[in-house]
Each structure stands twice: as C-alpha cells, then as structure tokens.
Protein backbone atom coordinates (compact mmCIF):
# COMPACT_ATOMS: atom_id res chain seq x y z
CA MET A 1 -138.86 -14.87 97.62
CA GLY A 2 -141.38 -12.51 99.22
CA ASN A 3 -141.78 -14.89 102.16
CA GLU A 4 -141.63 -13.14 105.54
CA THR A 5 -143.08 -15.93 107.62
CA SER A 6 -140.57 -18.68 107.16
CA GLY A 7 -137.70 -16.65 105.78
CA SER A 8 -136.53 -16.18 102.18
CA SER A 9 -135.49 -19.32 100.34
CA THR A 10 -132.65 -19.16 97.85
CA VAL A 11 -133.41 -20.09 94.28
CA ASN A 12 -131.12 -23.12 94.21
CA ARG A 13 -133.38 -24.82 96.72
CA ARG A 14 -136.30 -24.58 94.35
CA GLN A 15 -136.53 -27.72 92.24
CA LEU A 16 -137.75 -27.10 88.71
CA ILE A 17 -139.85 -30.13 87.94
CA LYS A 18 -141.71 -29.40 84.75
CA TRP A 19 -141.58 -27.73 81.36
CA ALA A 20 -144.71 -27.68 79.32
CA VAL A 21 -146.46 -25.54 76.78
CA GLY A 22 -150.12 -25.08 77.42
CA ALA A 23 -152.78 -22.71 78.63
CA LEU A 24 -151.39 -19.35 79.66
CA GLY A 25 -154.04 -18.62 82.24
CA VAL A 26 -156.89 -20.57 83.73
CA ALA A 27 -159.52 -20.01 86.35
CA GLY A 28 -158.70 -20.19 90.02
CA ILE A 29 -159.93 -23.37 91.64
CA GLY A 30 -160.86 -24.34 95.16
CA THR A 31 -162.21 -22.19 97.95
CA ALA A 32 -162.33 -21.82 101.69
CA ALA A 33 -164.92 -20.72 104.17
CA VAL A 34 -165.08 -17.12 105.29
CA VAL A 35 -163.14 -16.77 108.54
CA ALA A 36 -162.55 -14.00 111.05
CA THR A 37 -159.13 -12.34 110.85
CA GLY A 38 -159.24 -9.93 113.75
CA GLY A 39 -160.41 -6.71 112.11
CA THR A 40 -161.56 -3.56 113.86
CA ALA A 41 -165.16 -2.45 114.34
CA ASP A 42 -164.10 1.19 114.02
CA ALA A 43 -163.40 1.06 110.27
CA ALA A 44 -165.61 3.12 107.99
CA VAL A 45 -164.41 2.52 104.44
CA ALA A 46 -167.01 3.30 101.78
CA SER A 47 -168.60 0.16 100.35
CA SER A 48 -167.43 -1.07 96.96
CA LYS A 49 -167.41 -4.10 94.74
CA ARG A 50 -164.63 -6.67 95.02
CA PHE A 51 -162.70 -8.71 92.50
CA ASP A 52 -164.23 -12.08 91.73
CA LEU A 53 -161.49 -14.58 92.54
CA THR A 54 -163.28 -17.23 90.45
CA ASP A 55 -162.82 -15.09 87.33
CA PRO A 56 -160.47 -16.82 84.84
CA SER A 57 -157.04 -15.19 84.76
CA ASP A 58 -155.84 -13.43 81.60
CA MET A 59 -152.21 -12.98 80.63
CA LEU A 60 -150.65 -9.53 80.68
CA PHE A 61 -146.97 -10.52 80.18
CA ARG A 62 -145.27 -13.89 80.08
CA GLU A 63 -141.57 -14.45 80.80
CA ILE A 64 -140.28 -10.93 80.26
CA LEU A 65 -136.73 -10.04 81.23
CA LEU A 66 -135.99 -7.65 84.09
CA GLN A 67 -132.73 -5.85 84.76
CA GLU A 68 -131.33 -8.35 87.27
CA THR A 69 -131.05 -12.13 87.12
CA ARG A 70 -132.73 -12.43 90.55
CA VAL A 71 -136.41 -13.25 90.80
CA LEU A 72 -139.18 -10.69 90.81
CA GLN A 73 -140.09 -9.61 94.35
CA SER A 74 -142.93 -7.14 93.79
CA PHE A 75 -144.32 -4.60 91.32
CA SER A 76 -146.67 -1.65 90.88
CA PHE A 77 -148.22 0.33 88.02
CA ASP A 78 -147.97 3.98 87.01
CA ASN A 79 -151.37 4.05 85.36
CA THR A 80 -150.99 7.67 84.24
CA ASN A 81 -147.76 7.19 82.30
CA LYS A 82 -148.42 3.54 81.38
CA HIS A 83 -145.36 2.18 83.16
CA LEU A 84 -144.72 -0.93 85.25
CA TYR A 85 -142.14 -0.83 88.05
CA THR A 86 -140.65 -4.03 89.47
CA ALA A 87 -138.41 -4.72 92.46
CA SER A 88 -135.81 -7.47 92.76
CA LEU A 89 -132.67 -8.04 94.78
CA VAL A 90 -129.43 -6.93 93.18
CA GLN A 91 -127.75 -9.86 91.49
CA GLY A 92 -124.55 -11.38 92.78
CA GLY A 93 -121.34 -10.19 91.12
CA ARG A 94 -122.57 -6.68 90.33
CA GLN A 95 -120.42 -3.71 91.36
CA LEU A 96 -122.33 -0.44 91.58
CA PRO A 97 -120.79 3.05 91.23
CA GLY A 98 -118.92 4.01 94.39
CA GLU A 99 -118.41 0.40 95.52
CA SER A 100 -114.91 -0.98 95.95
CA ARG A 101 -115.84 -4.49 94.86
CA ALA A 102 -118.62 -6.70 93.56
CA TYR A 103 -120.87 -8.29 96.18
CA THR A 104 -122.39 -11.76 96.26
CA GLY A 105 -126.10 -12.41 96.05
CA ASP A 106 -126.16 -13.44 99.71
CA GLU A 107 -124.51 -10.15 100.68
CA ARG A 108 -127.03 -8.14 98.65
CA ALA A 109 -129.90 -9.96 100.38
CA LYS A 110 -128.34 -9.36 103.79
CA TYR A 111 -127.83 -5.64 103.16
CA GLY A 112 -131.27 -5.16 101.59
CA ASP A 113 -130.03 -3.95 98.18
CA LEU A 114 -132.72 -3.69 95.51
CA CYS A 115 -132.98 -3.04 91.79
CA ILE A 116 -136.01 -1.18 90.45
CA THR A 117 -136.79 -1.83 86.77
CA ARG A 118 -139.16 0.43 84.83
CA LEU A 119 -140.95 -1.10 81.84
CA ASP A 120 -143.46 0.14 79.32
CA LEU A 121 -146.66 -1.79 78.69
CA THR A 122 -145.08 -3.83 75.93
CA GLY A 123 -142.78 -5.31 78.56
CA ALA A 124 -139.69 -3.45 77.32
CA GLU A 125 -137.25 -2.07 79.88
CA ILE A 126 -137.07 1.73 79.81
CA GLY A 127 -135.15 2.48 82.99
CA ARG A 128 -133.66 1.23 86.24
CA MET A 129 -132.23 2.42 89.53
CA TYR A 130 -130.60 0.78 92.54
CA LEU A 131 -131.52 1.06 96.22
CA LYS A 132 -128.91 0.22 98.87
CA GLY A 133 -129.97 -0.72 102.39
CA PHE A 134 -133.72 -0.64 101.75
CA GLY A 135 -134.98 -4.17 102.41
CA HIS A 136 -136.33 -7.27 100.70
CA GLY A 137 -138.75 -5.64 98.26
CA VAL A 138 -141.80 -7.50 99.53
CA SER A 139 -144.14 -4.82 98.11
CA ILE A 140 -143.76 -1.46 96.36
CA ALA A 141 -146.17 1.33 95.41
CA VAL A 142 -146.10 3.93 92.65
CA GLU A 143 -147.45 7.48 92.85
CA PRO A 144 -147.47 9.18 89.41
CA SER A 145 -145.87 12.63 89.22
CA GLY A 146 -145.74 14.37 85.85
CA ASN A 147 -144.03 12.09 83.35
CA SER A 148 -142.27 10.22 86.17
CA ALA A 149 -143.30 8.89 89.58
CA TYR A 150 -142.58 8.71 93.27
CA LEU A 151 -141.90 5.22 94.55
CA TRP A 152 -142.91 3.96 97.98
CA THR A 153 -140.87 1.07 99.39
CA GLU A 154 -139.68 -0.40 102.63
CA THR A 155 -136.41 1.17 103.78
CA ALA A 156 -133.92 1.29 106.68
CA SER A 157 -133.11 -2.40 106.27
CA VAL A 158 -132.41 -4.43 109.41
CA GLU A 159 -130.52 -7.70 109.12
CA ALA A 160 -132.15 -10.79 110.62
CA PRO A 161 -131.54 -14.56 110.43
CA ASP A 162 -133.27 -16.58 107.76
CA PRO A 163 -135.30 -19.19 109.69
CA ASN A 164 -134.23 -21.74 107.08
CA TYR A 165 -130.58 -21.09 108.06
CA PRO A 166 -130.80 -19.87 111.67
CA ASN A 167 -127.16 -20.69 112.43
CA ASP A 168 -125.66 -19.34 109.20
CA PRO A 169 -125.14 -15.54 109.33
CA SER A 170 -124.13 -15.55 105.66
CA LYS A 171 -127.78 -16.31 104.83
CA ASN A 172 -129.21 -13.42 106.87
CA ILE A 173 -131.83 -11.24 105.18
CA GLY A 174 -132.41 -7.48 105.31
CA TRP A 175 -136.01 -6.40 106.01
CA GLY A 176 -137.29 -2.82 105.93
CA SER A 177 -138.10 -1.15 109.24
CA LYS A 178 -139.60 2.07 107.82
CA ILE A 179 -141.43 3.30 104.74
CA GLY A 180 -139.55 5.41 102.18
CA ARG A 181 -140.75 7.72 99.39
CA PHE A 182 -138.47 9.01 96.62
CA LYS A 183 -138.56 10.14 93.00
CA PHE A 184 -137.60 7.57 90.40
CA ALA A 185 -134.31 8.64 88.79
CA ASN A 186 -133.17 6.49 85.90
CA GLY A 187 -129.62 5.16 86.28
CA SER A 188 -129.14 6.39 89.85
CA VAL A 189 -127.98 4.62 92.99
CA LEU A 190 -129.81 5.66 96.15
CA THR A 191 -128.88 4.85 99.74
CA ALA A 192 -131.41 4.54 102.53
CA ASP A 193 -129.94 7.57 104.36
CA SER A 194 -130.08 9.82 101.29
CA SER A 195 -131.74 13.22 101.66
CA LYS A 196 -133.74 12.30 98.56
CA VAL A 197 -135.63 9.68 100.60
CA THR A 198 -138.47 10.80 102.89
CA THR A 199 -139.02 8.22 105.62
CA PHE A 200 -142.20 7.41 107.52
CA SER A 201 -142.72 5.40 110.72
CA PRO A 202 -146.51 5.08 110.99
CA VAL A 203 -146.61 2.55 113.85
CA ALA A 204 -144.28 2.93 116.83
CA GLY A 205 -142.33 -0.23 117.59
CA ALA A 206 -143.23 -1.97 114.33
CA ASP A 207 -140.84 -3.58 111.88
CA ARG A 208 -141.05 -5.50 108.58
CA THR A 209 -142.95 -2.55 107.10
CA THR A 210 -144.11 -2.75 103.48
CA ILE A 211 -146.62 -0.78 101.42
CA ALA A 212 -149.20 -0.96 98.61
CA ILE A 213 -151.39 1.65 96.93
CA ASP A 214 -155.00 2.00 95.86
CA PRO A 215 -154.54 4.25 92.80
CA VAL A 216 -158.24 5.10 92.45
CA ASN A 217 -159.15 5.94 96.04
CA LYS A 218 -155.71 7.41 96.87
CA ARG A 219 -155.07 5.21 99.87
CA LEU A 220 -152.04 3.37 101.18
CA ALA A 221 -152.06 -0.03 102.85
CA VAL A 222 -149.14 -0.72 105.17
CA ARG A 223 -148.23 -4.19 106.37
CA TYR A 224 -146.12 -4.36 109.50
CA ARG A 225 -145.11 -6.65 112.33
CA LEU A 226 -145.91 -5.55 115.86
CA SER A 227 -145.35 -7.73 118.93
CA GLY A 228 -144.64 -10.63 116.60
CA ALA A 229 -147.93 -10.39 114.67
CA PHE A 230 -148.36 -9.22 111.07
CA GLN A 231 -151.17 -6.74 110.49
CA PHE A 232 -152.39 -4.12 108.04
CA GLY A 233 -153.37 -0.47 108.34
CA LEU A 234 -155.19 1.61 105.72
CA TYR A 235 -154.31 5.30 105.35
CA ASP A 236 -155.27 8.31 103.27
CA LEU A 237 -152.41 8.97 100.83
CA THR A 238 -152.35 12.76 101.22
CA ALA A 239 -152.53 12.67 105.02
CA PHE A 240 -149.88 9.95 105.27
CA THR A 241 -147.51 11.90 103.02
CA ALA A 242 -147.94 14.89 105.34
CA GLY A 243 -147.04 12.73 108.34
CA THR A 244 -150.55 12.13 109.72
CA TYR A 245 -150.89 8.42 110.44
CA THR A 246 -154.59 8.04 111.23
CA GLN A 247 -155.69 4.53 110.27
CA LEU A 248 -158.91 4.36 108.31
CA ALA A 249 -159.07 0.63 108.99
CA HIS A 250 -157.01 -2.13 110.57
CA VAL A 251 -156.99 -5.91 110.17
CA MET A 252 -154.77 -8.76 111.30
CA GLN A 253 -153.12 -11.11 108.84
CA PRO A 254 -154.94 -14.47 108.82
CA THR A 255 -153.08 -16.93 111.00
CA ASP A 256 -153.26 -19.69 108.38
CA ILE A 257 -150.72 -17.75 106.27
CA ALA A 258 -148.11 -18.20 109.01
CA ASN A 259 -146.76 -21.42 107.49
CA PRO A 260 -146.41 -22.75 103.92
CA PRO A 261 -147.89 -21.62 101.65
CA SER A 262 -145.98 -18.42 102.42
CA PHE A 263 -147.01 -14.77 102.29
CA GLN A 264 -146.02 -13.21 98.95
CA GLY A 265 -147.73 -9.84 98.56
CA PHE A 266 -150.77 -7.64 99.02
CA THR A 267 -152.69 -4.72 97.58
CA THR A 268 -155.86 -2.75 98.29
CA PHE A 269 -158.79 -1.50 96.22
CA GLY A 270 -161.88 0.15 97.63
CA GLN A 271 -163.35 -1.71 100.60
CA TYR A 272 -161.07 -4.72 100.25
CA LEU A 273 -157.56 -5.90 100.98
CA TYR A 274 -156.09 -8.63 98.76
CA LEU A 275 -153.44 -11.10 99.90
CA LEU A 276 -151.18 -13.49 98.00
CA GLU A 277 -149.52 -16.62 99.35
CA GLY A 278 -147.74 -19.61 97.88
CA GLU A 279 -144.45 -21.23 96.97
CA ALA A 280 -142.52 -22.19 93.85
CA TYR A 281 -143.14 -25.49 92.13
CA SER A 282 -141.18 -28.33 93.71
CA ALA A 283 -141.40 -32.07 94.15
CA SER A 284 -143.74 -31.49 97.08
CA ASN A 285 -145.64 -28.65 95.36
CA PRO A 286 -146.38 -29.73 91.78
CA ASP A 287 -148.65 -28.06 89.21
CA PRO A 288 -151.02 -26.29 89.89
CA GLY A 289 -149.06 -25.38 93.02
CA ASN A 290 -150.27 -23.72 96.20
CA THR A 291 -150.77 -20.11 95.11
CA TYR A 292 -153.77 -18.70 96.95
CA GLN A 293 -155.46 -15.30 96.78
CA SER A 294 -157.60 -13.96 99.61
CA VAL A 295 -159.89 -10.97 99.89
CA ILE A 296 -160.42 -9.27 103.27
CA ASP A 297 -163.13 -6.73 104.10
CA TRP A 298 -161.46 -3.67 105.67
CA ASN A 299 -164.63 -2.83 107.58
CA THR A 300 -165.17 -6.17 109.30
CA GLY A 301 -161.79 -7.87 109.15
CA THR A 302 -163.42 -11.01 107.76
CA ARG A 303 -162.18 -12.94 104.76
CA ALA A 304 -164.77 -12.90 102.00
CA ASP A 305 -163.05 -15.51 99.86
CA ARG A 306 -159.84 -17.51 99.37
CA ARG A 307 -159.09 -19.28 96.10
CA LEU A 308 -156.37 -21.47 94.69
CA SER A 309 -155.08 -19.92 91.47
CA ALA A 310 -153.70 -21.87 88.53
CA ALA A 311 -152.86 -18.77 86.49
CA GLY A 312 -149.72 -19.37 84.47
CA SER A 313 -149.67 -23.01 85.53
CA SER A 314 -147.55 -24.03 82.51
CA LEU A 315 -144.60 -21.91 83.66
CA PRO A 316 -141.62 -24.20 84.35
CA TYR A 317 -140.67 -22.20 87.44
CA ARG A 318 -143.64 -20.47 89.05
CA GLU A 319 -143.37 -18.58 92.32
CA PRO A 320 -146.04 -16.00 93.21
CA GLU A 321 -144.46 -12.58 93.76
CA GLY A 322 -146.70 -9.61 94.38
CA LEU A 323 -150.12 -8.10 93.73
CA ALA A 324 -151.00 -4.70 92.27
CA ILE A 325 -153.91 -2.74 90.83
CA GLN A 326 -153.81 -1.72 87.18
CA ILE A 327 -156.16 0.86 85.63
CA PRO A 328 -155.74 0.42 81.85
CA ASP A 329 -157.82 3.52 81.06
CA THR A 330 -157.65 6.25 83.72
CA THR A 331 -160.87 7.78 82.38
CA LYS A 332 -162.60 4.57 83.48
CA PRO A 333 -161.28 4.02 87.01
CA THR A 334 -163.83 1.35 87.88
CA GLU A 335 -162.50 -0.90 85.10
CA ALA A 336 -159.63 -2.16 87.22
CA ARG A 337 -157.45 -5.23 87.18
CA LEU A 338 -156.09 -7.28 90.06
CA VAL A 339 -152.67 -8.32 88.74
CA THR A 340 -150.59 -11.20 90.13
CA GLY A 341 -146.86 -11.51 89.44
CA PHE A 342 -144.89 -14.73 89.12
CA ALA A 343 -141.15 -15.28 89.06
CA SER A 344 -140.40 -17.70 86.24
CA THR A 345 -137.78 -19.04 83.84
CA THR A 346 -137.90 -20.09 80.21
CA SER A 347 -136.91 -23.71 80.76
CA SER A 348 -135.66 -26.15 83.35
CA THR A 349 -132.13 -25.79 81.95
CA ASP A 350 -132.06 -21.96 81.81
CA SER A 351 -131.81 -20.40 85.26
CA ASP A 352 -132.18 -16.77 84.11
CA LYS A 353 -135.16 -15.39 85.96
CA ARG A 354 -138.06 -13.75 84.16
CA ALA A 355 -141.36 -12.24 85.24
CA SER A 356 -144.91 -13.18 84.26
CA PHE A 357 -148.13 -11.31 85.07
CA TYR A 358 -151.79 -12.39 85.02
CA TYR A 359 -154.92 -10.46 85.94
CA LYS A 360 -158.55 -10.72 86.97
CA ASP A 361 -160.97 -7.92 86.05
CA ALA A 362 -164.45 -9.12 87.02
CA LEU A 363 -166.02 -7.25 89.95
CA ILE A 364 -168.92 -8.51 92.04
C-alpha cells in the first residue's frame, strides 16, 4: 500500500494464495548489476560501511496487531526510549472525536487520514494518535525528545486519482505535499492545519513528499516528486528543522522502480540510501514474491547492490511496507539494523491485518 508509482491498491484486490508454517526469515536471493541512478557529483557525505543485503534476515516481530485493521504503511524507531511507531490509514467505519459520522476506508484514503500506533519492543501497543489530512503514510521518521518523541511525516494531503481507478473519484488517494513535524500525544487527533504541526517545504514545486531519518548521523532523507520524477535529498537534521534546506546529497530514484514491483519505502544510514520495492503475494507473484532491496551511494548516485529478499516468506499475506534503522543499544551506534516491515495476516481466512518485521545487521 506504499505504492506511489502505480497508485495504491486496495486489499481486496490482493489474492491470498498460501498459508504455511516454515522458516521465519531467510537470506535474500538474486542480485542485479550496479547501475547509474542520476546522482550528483557535488555530494560529500563521509564514507561509511553499508548493510550487506546478502545477510540472512532475522525476525524482530511476526504478525503483531496494530491499532487499525488497515495494513502497515511505514514505521520508525525511537531508539532512545525503545519504542516503535507505525503508520496506517484509518480503518473504515471509525468515527473520531469531533466528526459527525463514521467514514469509509475509501474516504479515509482520499482525505489522507492516518493512525499512528506506538509499541514497545515486545510488540505491545502503548499508545496511538490520529492524523487528519496528512497523506498516505509512505514513510515516517522519529526524533526522540525526553521520554516521548517528535514525529516527521508527510502532511498537507492533496487528493489525486488512483491510476488503477482513473475514472473512479471514490478511489482517489491523498498524498502529502509538505513535511510535518509534531510531538506525539497519546490519544489525540491532529489536523494538518493545527498550530501543533510545523510544516516544511524543502523543494519548491515538489509534491509527494515523504521523509526518513538516520538516527546516528542526525540526517533526514526526503523523497519528493518534481517535474514528474521521484528523487531524494539528504539534509542535516538540525539545519532542516531551523528551515535551512541545503542538500548534502541528491540522487534520482532508479527508473526500474517505476513499474511493478512498486516502491514501498526508504531509509538512510551513513553514506547510503536504502530503497524497498515489491508487491503482495498473488497468483502472479507467488512465494518468494518480488520484494527487492537496493542500496544507493549518496556520493555517486550509483546503485551498489539490489537483492531479492525472501524474509518472512511463509507469511500468508506478505506486502513489503517500509524500511527503518534500529539501534538496539545507543551506546553502540555502529551496531545498527536495517529493518524491513511487511503487512501480513494470520491466515487466508482471517483478513485482520498484522505487521511483521525482519532485519539485517551485517555491515561491509
């Protein structure tokens, strides 16, 4: 559901074709040649190691419940307070405080209404809040603050047709046009025009803006669409927060992500940008599916590797949804994890959506 290249597909179009019990995480398989992606020669990001995409994936959580029945869209870690924040669309039939009626799932997607769930590192829910008019939740970022956190998300949702239903306005989707920053407040409902939301427009004329964070190097990666092309800019967190939008690096999204498998998330760590693409299992996309991870060098704009991942391949419903960096021990910041999220269910007859997370931690 994080797809921004061919529109967002509704869950009932995903055919659940298997239910099996087996390995919870296996090594990524397959590879592709390094290709140019249109980076800039002006980047000067300090060199670092990168995650080894051939490293076997380990399970962090499998099939945990989130607040809403909609699929996971994205997630991020508060490594200081040991929390995990997830984003999903508000479920159909829910009526929030101040609303005169309950809205359908299609309406929530069109308006860009999101639910943020906060979990501890046992997978237990410990809080939630709702965001109205923010976007599709393609990617979120967490900035720890005391015993809570600031969240960074897309905001100022703009309705657009779903390419899968170009002539059906009821299937329109809301995508963020700006970046928003706000304090997590358990149980609250926040609107995009609230004074509690600080908005940022780092690239004039851009839309479809989403964000990820490098928690160790204190940098933000922003994905945006400009003149019809998706691209990424890297920024210093402190400068960006102050309204200074000087890009430390810039790369274009690889053109081979423009069609299925679809774009599903990104994150950044050190010298490298990580991308996620793929679709849910279906009759035309059976196990191990088409979930790919790529690593892009911020300094050169070239792709260092691209691997097919079979992490969580035994999930009955398996759609890749988001990437994030986890630092299990903040006193050891180099011992990081590249975590991939999957929307899943418990069986082919139970449509309640759950979330599963797998990670790689080998650096080369």
